[in-house]
Amino acid sequence: MGIHLRSITATAKQALRLQSLAWRSTSTSPDRHVPRGHVTVYVEDIDDQKVQRRERFLVPVAYLNQPLFRGLLARAEEEFGFDHPPGGLTIPCREDAFWEITSQLHASRSRKRD
């Protein structure tokens, strides 16, 4: 029980940290610092060929080589090729789906560290 609770606590703390990074990266402040070991990606929710919403996220560079994230990169390549909208790497995906994938990657990464 103690191990399970510790795992849940660690996951919750990391989720809050990720949310904090995501919030900070979407703020309107002029400080757009990207922490070492992270990359900025934009998630565009596209519906009927119209962009509904575009959010900026910071993700660990280690995610770029993970199969789940590579699936997102493949979708970006299909949608945009190498000609992404201004501002950087853009992933055509619903925001909630992006959160789900990055949460799974984080949980997997945390288990490997324990």
PDB file of N, CA and C in Angstrom:
ATOM      1  N   MET A   1       0.825  -1.199   0.000  1.00  0.00           N
ATOM      2  CA  MET A   1       0.000   0.000   0.000  1.00  0.00           C
ATOM      3  C   MET A   1       0.866   1.258   0.000  1.00  0.00           C
ATOM      4  N   GLY A   2       1.948   1.245   0.807  1.00  0.00           N
ATOM      5  CA  GLY A   2       2.823   2.407   0.887  1.00  0.00           C
ATOM      6  C   GLY A   2       3.500   2.711  -0.427  1.00  0.00           C
ATOM      7  N   ILE A   3       3.920   1.675  -1.154  1.00  0.00           N
ATOM      8  CA  ILE A   3       4.578   1.877  -2.444  1.00  0.00           C
ATOM      9  C   ILE A   3       3.594   2.467  -3.444  1.00  0.00           C
ATOM     10  N   HIS A   4       2.382   1.931  -3.451  1.00  0.00           N
ATOM     11  CA  HIS A   4       1.359   2.431  -4.360  1.00  0.00           C
ATOM     12  C   HIS A   4       1.038   3.905  -4.077  1.00  0.00           C
ATOM     13  N   LEU A   5       0.899   4.251  -2.813  1.00  0.00           N
ATOM     14  CA  LEU A   5       0.604   5.629  -2.436  1.00  0.00           C
ATOM     15  C   LEU A   5       1.756   6.543  -2.825  1.00  0.00           C
ATOM     16  N   ARG A   6       2.997   6.087  -2.632  1.00  0.00           N
ATOM     17  CA  ARG A   6       4.161   6.888  -3.003  1.00  0.00           C
ATOM     18  C   ARG A   6       4.176   7.140  -4.513  1.00  0.00           C
ATOM     19  N   SER A   7       3.821   6.118  -5.277  1.00  0.00           N
ATOM     20  CA  SER A   7       3.781   6.245  -6.731  1.00  0.00           C
ATOM     21  C   SER A   7       2.716   7.259  -7.162  1.00  0.00           C
ATOM     22  N   ILE A   8       1.559   7.183  -6.532  1.00  0.00           N
ATOM     23  CA  ILE A   8       0.475   8.121  -6.848  1.00  0.00           C
ATOM     24  C   ILE A   8       0.888   9.542  -6.493  1.00  0.00           C
ATOM     25  N   THR A   9       1.514   9.705  -5.337  1.00  0.00           N
ATOM     26  CA  THR A   9       1.956  11.030  -4.905  1.00  0.00           C
ATOM     27  C   THR A   9       2.980  11.603  -5.865  1.00  0.00           C
ATOM     28  N   ALA A  10       3.949  10.781  -6.267  1.00  0.00           N
ATOM     29  CA  ALA A  10       4.983  11.244  -7.193  1.00  0.00           C
ATOM     30  C   ALA A  10       4.369  11.629  -8.537  1.00  0.00           C
ATOM     31  N   THR A  11       3.422  10.826  -9.022  1.00  0.00           N
ATOM     32  CA  THR A  11       2.763  11.125 -10.294  1.00  0.00           C
ATOM     33  C   THR A  11       1.966  12.419 -10.193  1.00  0.00           C
ATOM     34  N   ALA A  12       1.268  12.616  -9.081  1.00  0.00           N
ATOM     35  CA  ALA A  12       0.476  13.838  -8.896  1.00  0.00           C
ATOM     36  C   ALA A  12       1.377  15.071  -8.862  1.00  0.00           C
ATOM     37  N   LYS A  13       2.510  14.962  -8.165  1.00  0.00           N
ATOM     38  CA  LYS A  13       3.433  16.095  -8.104  1.00  0.00           C
ATOM     39  C   LYS A  13       3.972  16.438  -9.485  1.00  0.00           C
ATOM     40  N   GLN A  14       4.323  15.403 -10.247  1.00  0.00           N
ATOM     41  CA  GLN A  14       4.843  15.645 -11.596  1.00  0.00           C
ATOM     42  C   GLN A  14       3.765  16.254 -12.487  1.00  0.00           C
ATOM     43  N   ALA A  15       2.539  15.780 -12.363  1.00  0.00           N
ATOM     44  CA  ALA A  15       1.445  16.335 -13.170  1.00  0.00           C
ATOM     45  C   ALA A  15       1.266  17.816 -12.868  1.00  0.00           C
ATOM     46  N   LEU A  16       1.344  18.176 -11.588  1.00  0.00           N
ATOM     47  CA  LEU A  16       1.225  19.585 -11.226  1.00  0.00           C
ATOM     48  C   LEU A  16       2.382  20.396 -11.809  1.00  0.00           C
ATOM     49  N   ARG A  17       3.582  19.808 -11.793  1.00  0.00           N
ATOM     50  CA  ARG A  17       4.731  20.505 -12.361  1.00  0.00           C
ATOM     51  C   ARG A  17       4.556  20.691 -13.870  1.00  0.00           C
ATOM     52  N   LEU A  18       4.052  19.645 -14.554  1.00  0.00           N
ATOM     53  CA  LEU A  18       3.806  19.761 -15.991  1.00  0.00           C
ATOM     54  C   LEU A  18       2.752  20.825 -16.277  1.00  0.00           C
ATOM     55  N   GLN A  19       1.697  20.839 -15.459  1.00  0.00           N
ATOM     56  CA  GLN A  19       0.670  21.857 -15.643  1.00  0.00           C
ATOM     57  C   GLN A  19       1.248  23.242 -15.421  1.00  0.00           C
ATOM     58  N   SER A  20       2.126  23.364 -14.435  1.00  0.00           N
ATOM     59  CA  SER A  20       2.760  24.643 -14.173  1.00  0.00           C
ATOM     60  C   SER A  20       3.603  25.072 -15.365  1.00  0.00           C
ATOM     61  N   LEU A  21       4.370  24.135 -15.929  1.00  0.00           N
ATOM     62  CA  LEU A  21       5.171  24.460 -17.110  1.00  0.00           C
ATOM     63  C   LEU A  21       4.273  24.847 -18.276  1.00  0.00           C
ATOM     64  N   ALA A  22       3.185  24.096 -18.459  1.00  0.00           N
ATOM     65  CA  ALA A  22       2.284  24.398 -19.562  1.00  0.00           C
ATOM     66  C   ALA A  22       1.640  25.773 -19.358  1.00  0.00           C
ATOM     67  N   TRP A  23       1.215  26.066 -18.130  1.00  0.00           N
ATOM     68  CA  TRP A  23       0.596  27.363 -17.861  1.00  0.00           C
ATOM     69  C   TRP A  23       1.594  28.478 -18.109  1.00  0.00           C
ATOM     70  N   ARG A  24       2.808  28.287 -17.592  1.00  0.00           N
ATOM     71  CA  ARG A  24       3.813  29.321 -17.739  1.00  0.00           C
ATOM     72  C   ARG A  24       4.135  29.540 -19.216  1.00  0.00           C
ATOM     73  N   SER A  25       4.148  28.457 -19.994  1.00  0.00           N
ATOM     74  CA  SER A  25       4.504  28.600 -21.397  1.00  0.00           C
ATOM     75  C   SER A  25       3.394  29.243 -22.211  1.00  0.00           C
ATOM     76  N   THR A  26       2.150  29.197 -21.722  1.00  0.00           N
ATOM     77  CA  THR A  26       1.059  29.818 -22.461  1.00  0.00           C
ATOM     78  C   THR A  26       0.753  31.219 -21.969  1.00  0.00           C
ATOM     79  N   SER A  27       1.462  31.662 -20.964  1.00  0.00           N
ATOM     80  CA  SER A  27       1.204  33.005 -20.450  1.00  0.00           C
ATOM     81  C   SER A  27       1.630  34.054 -21.470  1.00  0.00           C
ATOM     82  N   THR A  28       1.169  35.253 -21.284  1.00  0.00           N
ATOM     83  CA  THR A  28       1.476  36.312 -22.241  1.00  0.00           C
ATOM     84  C   THR A  28       2.742  37.071 -21.881  1.00  0.00           C
ATOM     85  N   SER A  29       3.459  36.591 -20.891  1.00  0.00           N
ATOM     86  CA  SER A  29       4.680  37.290 -20.505  1.00  0.00           C
ATOM     87  C   SER A  29       5.712  37.205 -21.618  1.00  0.00           C
ATOM     88  N   PRO A  30       6.574  38.221 -21.718  1.00  0.00           N
ATOM     89  CA  PRO A  30       7.565  38.210 -22.782  1.00  0.00           C
ATOM     90  C   PRO A  30       8.652  37.167 -22.565  1.00  0.00           C
ATOM     91  N   ASP A  31       8.761  36.618 -21.348  1.00  0.00           N
ATOM     92  CA  ASP A  31       9.777  35.611 -21.057  1.00  0.00           C
ATOM     93  C   ASP A  31       9.323  34.270 -21.614  1.00  0.00           C
ATOM     94  N   ARG A  32       9.910  33.885 -22.731  1.00  0.00           N
ATOM     95  CA  ARG A  32       9.561  32.619 -23.377  1.00  0.00           C
ATOM     96  C   ARG A  32      10.704  31.630 -23.213  1.00  0.00           C
ATOM     97  N   HIS A  33      11.343  31.630 -22.050  1.00  0.00           N
ATOM     98  CA  HIS A  33      12.478  30.764 -21.775  1.00  0.00           C
ATOM     99  C   HIS A  33      12.061  29.291 -21.865  1.00  0.00           C
ATOM    100  N   VAL A  34      12.871  28.507 -22.551  1.00  0.00           N
ATOM    101  CA  VAL A  34      12.652  27.071 -22.626  1.00  0.00           C
ATOM    102  C   VAL A  34      13.728  26.406 -21.772  1.00  0.00           C
ATOM    103  N   PRO A  35      13.330  25.692 -20.715  1.00  0.00           N
ATOM    104  CA  PRO A  35      14.316  25.065 -19.841  1.00  0.00           C
ATOM    105  C   PRO A  35      15.181  24.055 -20.599  1.00  0.00           C
ATOM    106  N   ARG A  36      16.388  23.895 -20.144  1.00  0.00           N
ATOM    107  CA  ARG A  36      17.311  22.944 -20.744  1.00  0.00           C
ATOM    108  C   ARG A  36      16.676  21.551 -20.743  1.00  0.00           C
ATOM    109  N   GLY A  37      16.818  20.848 -21.850  1.00  0.00           N
ATOM    110  CA  GLY A  37      16.272  19.499 -21.961  1.00  0.00           C
ATOM    111  C   GLY A  37      14.819  19.459 -22.379  1.00  0.00           C
ATOM    112  N   HIS A  38      14.266  20.595 -22.776  1.00  0.00           N
ATOM    113  CA  HIS A  38      12.876  20.674 -23.209  1.00  0.00           C
ATOM    114  C   HIS A  38      12.802  21.287 -24.602  1.00  0.00           C
ATOM    115  N   VAL A  39      11.687  21.067 -25.254  1.00  0.00           N
ATOM    116  CA  VAL A  39      11.441  21.654 -26.564  1.00  0.00           C
ATOM    117  C   VAL A  39      10.012  22.213 -26.561  1.00  0.00           C
ATOM    118  N   THR A  40       9.817  23.282 -27.294  1.00  0.00           N
ATOM    119  CA  THR A  40       8.495  23.888 -27.398  1.00  0.00           C
ATOM    120  C   THR A  40       7.739  23.255 -28.556  1.00  0.00           C
ATOM    121  N   VAL A  41       6.510  22.868 -28.313  1.00  0.00           N
ATOM    122  CA  VAL A  41       5.629  22.391 -29.380  1.00  0.00           C
ATOM    123  C   VAL A  41       4.306  23.133 -29.254  1.00  0.00           C
ATOM    124  N   TYR A  42       3.643  23.258 -30.373  1.00  0.00           N
ATOM    125  CA  TYR A  42       2.318  23.864 -30.397  1.00  0.00           C
ATOM    126  C   TYR A  42       1.318  22.786 -30.751  1.00  0.00           C
ATOM    127  N   VAL A  43       0.215  22.761 -30.042  1.00  0.00           N
ATOM    128  CA  VAL A  43      -0.842  21.798 -30.296  1.00  0.00           C
ATOM    129  C   VAL A  43      -2.017  22.563 -30.874  1.00  0.00           C
ATOM    130  N   GLU A  44      -2.394  22.190 -32.099  1.00  0.00           N
ATOM    131  CA  GLU A  44      -3.506  22.838 -32.786  1.00  0.00           C
ATOM    132  C   GLU A  44      -4.685  21.887 -32.857  1.00  0.00           C
ATOM    133  N   ASP A  45      -5.795  22.333 -32.353  1.00  0.00           N
ATOM    134  CA  ASP A  45      -7.031  21.567 -32.454  1.00  0.00           C
ATOM    135  C   ASP A  45      -7.718  22.022 -33.735  1.00  0.00           C
ATOM    136  N   ILE A  46      -7.719  21.157 -34.749  1.00  0.00           N
ATOM    137  CA  ILE A  46      -8.274  21.514 -36.054  1.00  0.00           C
ATOM    138  C   ILE A  46      -9.598  20.798 -36.235  1.00  0.00           C
ATOM    139  N   ASP A  47     -10.629  21.550 -36.583  1.00  0.00           N
ATOM    140  CA  ASP A  47     -11.955  20.987 -36.812  1.00  0.00           C
ATOM    141  C   ASP A  47     -12.475  21.528 -38.136  1.00  0.00           C
ATOM    142  N   ASP A  48     -12.800  20.640 -39.061  1.00  0.00           N
ATOM    143  CA  ASP A  48     -13.290  21.043 -40.386  1.00  0.00           C
ATOM    144  C   ASP A  48     -12.350  22.031 -41.057  1.00  0.00           C
ATOM    145  N   GLN A  49     -11.042  21.711 -41.011  1.00  0.00           N
ATOM    146  CA  GLN A  49      -9.996  22.507 -41.644  1.00  0.00           C
ATOM    147  C   GLN A  49      -9.854  23.921 -41.070  1.00  0.00           C
ATOM    148  N   LYS A  50     -10.439  24.171 -39.912  1.00  0.00           N
ATOM    149  CA  LYS A  50     -10.289  25.460 -39.241  1.00  0.00           C
ATOM    150  C   LYS A  50      -9.614  25.240 -37.903  1.00  0.00           C
ATOM    151  N   VAL A  51      -8.625  26.056 -37.615  1.00  0.00           N
ATOM    152  CA  VAL A  51      -7.941  25.953 -36.328  1.00  0.00           C
ATOM    153  C   VAL A  51      -8.882  26.471 -35.250  1.00  0.00           C
ATOM    154  N   GLN A  52      -9.200  25.595 -34.295  1.00  0.00           N
ATOM    155  CA  GLN A  52     -10.073  25.982 -33.194  1.00  0.00           C
ATOM    156  C   GLN A  52      -9.279  26.610 -32.054  1.00  0.00           C
ATOM    157  N   ARG A  53      -8.060  26.086 -31.864  1.00  0.00           N
ATOM    158  CA  ARG A  53      -7.275  26.538 -30.722  1.00  0.00           C
ATOM    159  C   ARG A  53      -5.824  26.125 -30.927  1.00  0.00           C
ATOM    160  N   ARG A  54      -4.890  26.963 -30.477  1.00  0.00           N
ATOM    161  CA  ARG A  54      -3.462  26.648 -30.562  1.00  0.00           C
ATOM    162  C   ARG A  54      -2.833  26.971 -29.214  1.00  0.00           C
ATOM    163  N   GLU A  55      -2.219  25.950 -28.609  1.00  0.00           N
ATOM    164  CA  GLU A  55      -1.595  26.101 -27.295  1.00  0.00           C
ATOM    165  C   GLU A  55      -0.117  25.744 -27.374  1.00  0.00           C
ATOM    166  N   ARG A  56       0.680  26.427 -26.582  1.00  0.00           N
ATOM    167  CA  ARG A  56       2.125  26.196 -26.524  1.00  0.00           C
ATOM    168  C   ARG A  56       2.437  25.325 -25.313  1.00  0.00           C
ATOM    169  N   PHE A  57       3.270  24.286 -25.519  1.00  0.00           N
ATOM    170  CA  PHE A  57       3.662  23.372 -24.445  1.00  0.00           C
ATOM    171  C   PHE A  57       5.166  23.175 -24.456  1.00  0.00           C
ATOM    172  N   LEU A  58       5.702  22.871 -23.306  1.00  0.00           N
ATOM    173  CA  LEU A  58       7.093  22.476 -23.174  1.00  0.00           C
ATOM    174  C   LEU A  58       7.109  20.987 -22.866  1.00  0.00           C
ATOM    175  N   VAL A  59       7.861  20.228 -23.654  1.00  0.00           N
ATOM    176  CA  VAL A  59       7.960  18.792 -23.408  1.00  0.00           C
ATOM    177  C   VAL A  59       9.429  18.397 -23.307  1.00  0.00           C
ATOM    178  N   PRO A  60       9.735  17.394 -22.499  1.00  0.00           N
ATOM    179  CA  PRO A  60      11.114  16.925 -22.409  1.00  0.00           C
ATOM    180  C   PRO A  60      11.591  16.382 -23.761  1.00  0.00           C
ATOM    181  N   VAL A  61      12.824  16.663 -24.103  1.00  0.00           N
ATOM    182  CA  VAL A  61      13.404  16.190 -25.354  1.00  0.00           C
ATOM    183  C   VAL A  61      13.347  14.667 -25.421  1.00  0.00           C
ATOM    184  N   ALA A  62      13.443  13.998 -24.284  1.00  0.00           N
ATOM    185  CA  ALA A  62      13.413  12.535 -24.248  1.00  0.00           C
ATOM    186  C   ALA A  62      12.125  11.963 -24.848  1.00  0.00           C
ATOM    187  N   TYR A  63      11.039  12.719 -24.836  1.00  0.00           N
ATOM    188  CA  TYR A  63       9.779  12.235 -25.400  1.00  0.00           C
ATOM    189  C   TYR A  63       9.834  12.095 -26.920  1.00  0.00           C
ATOM    190  N   LEU A  64      10.691  12.853 -27.568  1.00  0.00           N
ATOM    191  CA  LEU A  64      10.704  12.887 -29.029  1.00  0.00           C
ATOM    192  C   LEU A  64      11.008  11.537 -29.654  1.00  0.00           C
ATOM    193  N   ASN A  65      11.668  10.664 -28.935  1.00  0.00           N
ATOM    194  CA  ASN A  65      12.025   9.364 -29.485  1.00  0.00           C
ATOM    195  C   ASN A  65      11.089   8.243 -29.023  1.00  0.00           C
ATOM    196  N   GLN A  66      10.081   8.569 -28.243  1.00  0.00           N
ATOM    197  CA  GLN A  66       9.140   7.567 -27.748  1.00  0.00           C
ATOM    198  C   GLN A  66       8.078   7.269 -28.807  1.00  0.00           C
ATOM    199  N   PRO A  67       7.677   5.987 -28.964  1.00  0.00           N
ATOM    200  CA  PRO A  67       6.702   5.621 -30.000  1.00  0.00           C
ATOM    201  C   PRO A  67       5.396   6.423 -29.947  1.00  0.00           C
ATOM    202  N   LEU A  68       4.859   6.668 -28.752  1.00  0.00           N
ATOM    203  CA  LEU A  68       3.613   7.443 -28.665  1.00  0.00           C
ATOM    204  C   LEU A  68       3.796   8.855 -29.224  1.00  0.00           C
ATOM    205  N   PHE A  69       4.887   9.487 -28.855  1.00  0.00           N
ATOM    206  CA  PHE A  69       5.122  10.857 -29.321  1.00  0.00           C
ATOM    207  C   PHE A  69       5.492  10.867 -30.799  1.00  0.00           C
ATOM    208  N   ARG A  70       6.197   9.829 -31.242  1.00  0.00           N
ATOM    209  CA  ARG A  70       6.538   9.745 -32.666  1.00  0.00           C
ATOM    210  C   ARG A  70       5.277   9.657 -33.525  1.00  0.00           C
ATOM    211  N   GLY A  71       4.226   9.049 -32.974  1.00  0.00           N
ATOM    212  CA  GLY A  71       2.942   9.024 -33.675  1.00  0.00           C
ATOM    213  C   GLY A  71       2.405  10.438 -33.891  1.00  0.00           C
ATOM    214  N   LEU A  72       2.550  11.285 -32.866  1.00  0.00           N
ATOM    215  CA  LEU A  72       2.132  12.688 -33.001  1.00  0.00           C
ATOM    216  C   LEU A  72       2.983  13.411 -34.044  1.00  0.00           C
ATOM    217  N   LEU A  73       4.282  13.117 -34.029  1.00  0.00           N
ATOM    218  CA  LEU A  73       5.175  13.754 -35.009  1.00  0.00           C
ATOM    219  C   LEU A  73       4.838  13.310 -36.425  1.00  0.00           C
ATOM    220  N   ALA A  74       4.441  12.046 -36.581  1.00  0.00           N
ATOM    221  CA  ALA A  74       4.033  11.556 -37.908  1.00  0.00           C
ATOM    222  C   ALA A  74       2.781  12.286 -38.385  1.00  0.00           C
ATOM    223  N   ARG A  75       1.838  12.537 -37.475  1.00  0.00           N
ATOM    224  CA  ARG A  75       0.630  13.299 -37.840  1.00  0.00           C
ATOM    225  C   ARG A  75       0.996  14.717 -38.263  1.00  0.00           C
ATOM    226  N   ALA A  76       1.958  15.303 -37.551  1.00  0.00           N
ATOM    227  CA  ALA A  76       2.401  16.653 -37.906  1.00  0.00           C
ATOM    228  C   ALA A  76       3.044  16.658 -39.289  1.00  0.00           C
ATOM    229  N   GLU A  77       3.825  15.631 -39.576  1.00  0.00           N
ATOM    230  CA  GLU A  77       4.471  15.543 -40.891  1.00  0.00           C
ATOM    231  C   GLU A  77       3.431  15.374 -41.997  1.00  0.00           C
ATOM    232  N   GLU A  78       2.407  14.547 -41.751  1.00  0.00           N
ATOM    233  CA  GLU A  78       1.340  14.362 -42.741  1.00  0.00           C
ATOM    234  C   GLU A  78       0.592  15.667 -42.998  1.00  0.00           C
ATOM    235  N   GLU A  79       0.326  16.395 -41.926  1.00  0.00           N
ATOM    236  CA  GLU A  79      -0.463  17.623 -42.032  1.00  0.00           C
ATOM    237  C   GLU A  79       0.330  18.786 -42.630  1.00  0.00           C
ATOM    238  N   PHE A  80       1.558  18.966 -42.161  1.00  0.00           N
ATOM    239  CA  PHE A  80       2.323  20.155 -42.530  1.00  0.00           C
ATOM    240  C   PHE A  80       3.580  19.879 -43.343  1.00  0.00           C
ATOM    241  N   GLY A  81       4.024  18.628 -43.410  1.00  0.00           N
ATOM    242  CA  GLY A  81       5.316  18.343 -44.022  1.00  0.00           C
ATOM    243  C   GLY A  81       6.389  19.006 -43.171  1.00  0.00           C
ATOM    244  N   PHE A  82       7.323  19.647 -43.826  1.00  0.00           N
ATOM    245  CA  PHE A  82       8.354  20.361 -43.071  1.00  0.00           C
ATOM    246  C   PHE A  82       8.100  21.866 -43.080  1.00  0.00           C
ATOM    247  N   ASP A  83       6.935  22.258 -43.533  1.00  0.00           N
ATOM    248  CA  ASP A  83       6.558  23.667 -43.604  1.00  0.00           C
ATOM    249  C   ASP A  83       5.531  23.958 -42.515  1.00  0.00           C
ATOM    250  N   HIS A  84       6.009  24.039 -41.271  1.00  0.00           N
ATOM    251  CA  HIS A  84       5.115  24.277 -40.141  1.00  0.00           C
ATOM    252  C   HIS A  84       4.710  25.744 -40.076  1.00  0.00           C
ATOM    253  N   PRO A  85       3.535  26.010 -39.481  1.00  0.00           N
ATOM    254  CA  PRO A  85       3.135  27.400 -39.271  1.00  0.00           C
ATOM    255  C   PRO A  85       4.204  28.145 -38.475  1.00  0.00           C
ATOM    256  N   PRO A  86       4.223  29.451 -38.575  1.00  0.00           N
ATOM    257  CA  PRO A  86       5.229  30.230 -37.847  1.00  0.00           C
ATOM    258  C   PRO A  86       5.212  29.922 -36.351  1.00  0.00           C
ATOM    259  N   GLY A  87       6.397  29.859 -35.784  1.00  0.00           N
ATOM    260  CA  GLY A  87       6.482  29.676 -34.348  1.00  0.00           C
ATOM    261  C   GLY A  87       7.083  28.363 -33.913  1.00  0.00           C
ATOM    262  N   GLY A  88       7.133  27.367 -34.776  1.00  0.00           N
ATOM    263  CA  GLY A  88       7.777  26.127 -34.374  1.00  0.00           C
ATOM    264  C   GLY A  88       6.985  24.891 -34.710  1.00  0.00           C
ATOM    265  N   LEU A  89       7.392  23.792 -34.112  1.00  0.00           N
ATOM    266  CA  LEU A  89       6.793  22.489 -34.348  1.00  0.00           C
ATOM    267  C   LEU A  89       5.337  22.501 -33.907  1.00  0.00           C
ATOM    268  N   THR A  90       4.443  22.224 -34.851  1.00  0.00           N
ATOM    269  CA  THR A  90       3.016  22.245 -34.576  1.00  0.00           C
ATOM    270  C   THR A  90       2.446  20.844 -34.764  1.00  0.00           C
ATOM    271  N   ILE A  91       1.691  20.388 -33.780  1.00  0.00           N
ATOM    272  CA  ILE A  91       1.093  19.057 -33.807  1.00  0.00           C
ATOM    273  C   ILE A  91      -0.416  19.198 -33.924  1.00  0.00           C
ATOM    274  N   PRO A  92      -1.012  18.628 -34.988  1.00  0.00           N
ATOM    275  CA  PRO A  92      -2.473  18.688 -35.128  1.00  0.00           C
ATOM    276  C   PRO A  92      -3.120  17.615 -34.238  1.00  0.00           C
ATOM    277  N   CYS A  93      -3.657  18.034 -33.125  1.00  0.00           N
ATOM    278  CA  CYS A  93      -4.156  17.082 -32.127  1.00  0.00           C
ATOM    279  C   CYS A  93      -5.052  17.831 -31.145  1.00  0.00           C
ATOM    280  N   ARG A  94      -6.049  17.132 -30.608  1.00  0.00           N
ATOM    281  CA  ARG A  94      -6.847  17.742 -29.551  1.00  0.00           C
ATOM    282  C   ARG A  94      -5.984  17.889 -28.310  1.00  0.00           C
ATOM    283  N   GLU A  95      -6.184  18.954 -27.584  1.00  0.00           N
ATOM    284  CA  GLU A  95      -5.376  19.224 -26.403  1.00  0.00           C
ATOM    285  C   GLU A  95      -5.507  18.122 -25.354  1.00  0.00           C
ATOM    286  N   ASP A  96      -6.716  17.620 -25.142  1.00  0.00           N
ATOM    287  CA  ASP A  96      -6.899  16.562 -24.145  1.00  0.00           C
ATOM    288  C   ASP A  96      -6.179  15.278 -24.553  1.00  0.00           C
ATOM    289  N   ALA A  97      -6.128  14.975 -25.846  1.00  0.00           N
ATOM    290  CA  ALA A  97      -5.387  13.802 -26.318  1.00  0.00           C
ATOM    291  C   ALA A  97      -3.883  13.998 -26.109  1.00  0.00           C
ATOM    292  N   PHE A  98      -3.406  15.215 -26.338  1.00  0.00           N
ATOM    293  CA  PHE A  98      -1.988  15.516 -26.110  1.00  0.00           C
ATOM    294  C   PHE A  98      -1.639  15.333 -24.643  1.00  0.00           C
ATOM    295  N   TRP A  99      -2.492  15.842 -23.737  1.00  0.00           N
ATOM    296  CA  TRP A  99      -2.262  15.683 -22.301  1.00  0.00           C
ATOM    297  C   TRP A  99      -2.221  14.208 -21.928  1.00  0.00           C
ATOM    298  N   GLU A 100      -3.122  13.421 -22.500  1.00  0.00           N
ATOM    299  CA  GLU A 100      -3.172  11.982 -22.200  1.00  0.00           C
ATOM    300  C   GLU A 100      -1.869  11.298 -22.613  1.00  0.00           C
ATOM    301  N   ILE A 101      -1.399  11.594 -23.812  1.00  0.00           N
ATOM    302  CA  ILE A 101      -0.167  10.974 -24.309  1.00  0.00           C
ATOM    303  C   ILE A 101       1.032  11.392 -23.467  1.00  0.00           C
ATOM    304  N   THR A 102       1.148  12.685 -23.182  1.00  0.00           N
ATOM    305  CA  THR A 102       2.299  13.129 -22.390  1.00  0.00           C
ATOM    306  C   THR A 102       2.227  12.606 -20.955  1.00  0.00           C
ATOM    307  N   SER A 103       1.032  12.428 -20.422  1.00  0.00           N
ATOM    308  CA  SER A 103       0.888  11.850 -19.081  1.00  0.00           C
ATOM    309  C   SER A 103       1.347  10.397 -19.074  1.00  0.00           C
ATOM    310  N   GLN A 104       0.989   9.655 -20.117  1.00  0.00           N
ATOM    311  CA  GLN A 104       1.433   8.264 -20.220  1.00  0.00           C
ATOM    312  C   GLN A 104       2.951   8.196 -20.332  1.00  0.00           C
ATOM    313  N   LEU A 105       3.524   9.068 -21.135  1.00  0.00           N
ATOM    314  CA  LEU A 105       4.982   9.091 -21.286  1.00  0.00           C
ATOM    315  C   LEU A 105       5.656   9.429 -19.962  1.00  0.00           C
ATOM    316  N   HIS A 106       5.085  10.377 -19.245  1.00  0.00           N
ATOM    317  CA  HIS A 106       5.650  10.751 -17.952  1.00  0.00           C
ATOM    318  C   HIS A 106       5.586   9.593 -16.968  1.00  0.00           C
ATOM    319  N   ALA A 107       4.445   8.914 -16.920  1.00  0.00           N
ATOM    320  CA  ALA A 107       4.283   7.792 -16.000  1.00  0.00           C
ATOM    321  C   ALA A 107       5.280   6.682 -16.343  1.00  0.00           C
ATOM    322  N   SER A 108       5.453   6.420 -17.617  1.00  0.00           N
ATOM    323  CA  SER A 108       6.409   5.403 -18.059  1.00  0.00           C
ATOM    324  C   SER A 108       7.826   5.779 -17.678  1.00  0.00           C
ATOM    325  N   ARG A 109       8.152   7.036 -17.860  1.00  0.00           N
ATOM    326  CA  ARG A 109       9.492   7.545 -17.531  1.00  0.00           C
ATOM    327  C   ARG A 109       9.745   7.485 -16.026  1.00  0.00           C
ATOM    328  N   SER A 110       8.719   7.789 -15.231  1.00  0.00           N
ATOM    329  CA  SER A 110       8.843   7.763 -13.773  1.00  0.00           C
ATOM    330  C   SER A 110       9.069   6.335 -13.275  1.00  0.00           C
ATOM    331  N   ARG A 111       8.364   5.363 -13.868  1.00  0.00           N
ATOM    332  CA  ARG A 111       8.541   3.974 -13.458  1.00  0.00           C
ATOM    333  C   ARG A 111       9.955   3.488 -13.737  1.00  0.00           C
ATOM    334  N   LYS A 112      10.542   3.946 -14.830  1.00  0.00           N
ATOM    335  CA  LYS A 112      11.904   3.539 -15.170  1.00  0.00           C
ATOM    336  C   LYS A 112      12.911   4.091 -14.184  1.00  0.00           C
ATOM    337  N   ARG A 113      12.637   5.280 -13.637  1.00  0.00           N
ATOM    338  CA  ARG A 113      13.552   5.898 -12.661  1.00  0.00           C
ATOM    339  C   ARG A 113      13.489   5.209 -11.301  1.00  0.00           C
ATOM    340  N   ASP A 114      12.308   4.665 -10.934  1.00  0.00           N
ATOM    341  CA  ASP A 114      12.131   4.042  -9.602  1.00  0.00           C
ATOM    342  C   ASP A 114      12.829   2.754  -9.502  1.00  0.00           C
TER     343      ASP A 114
END
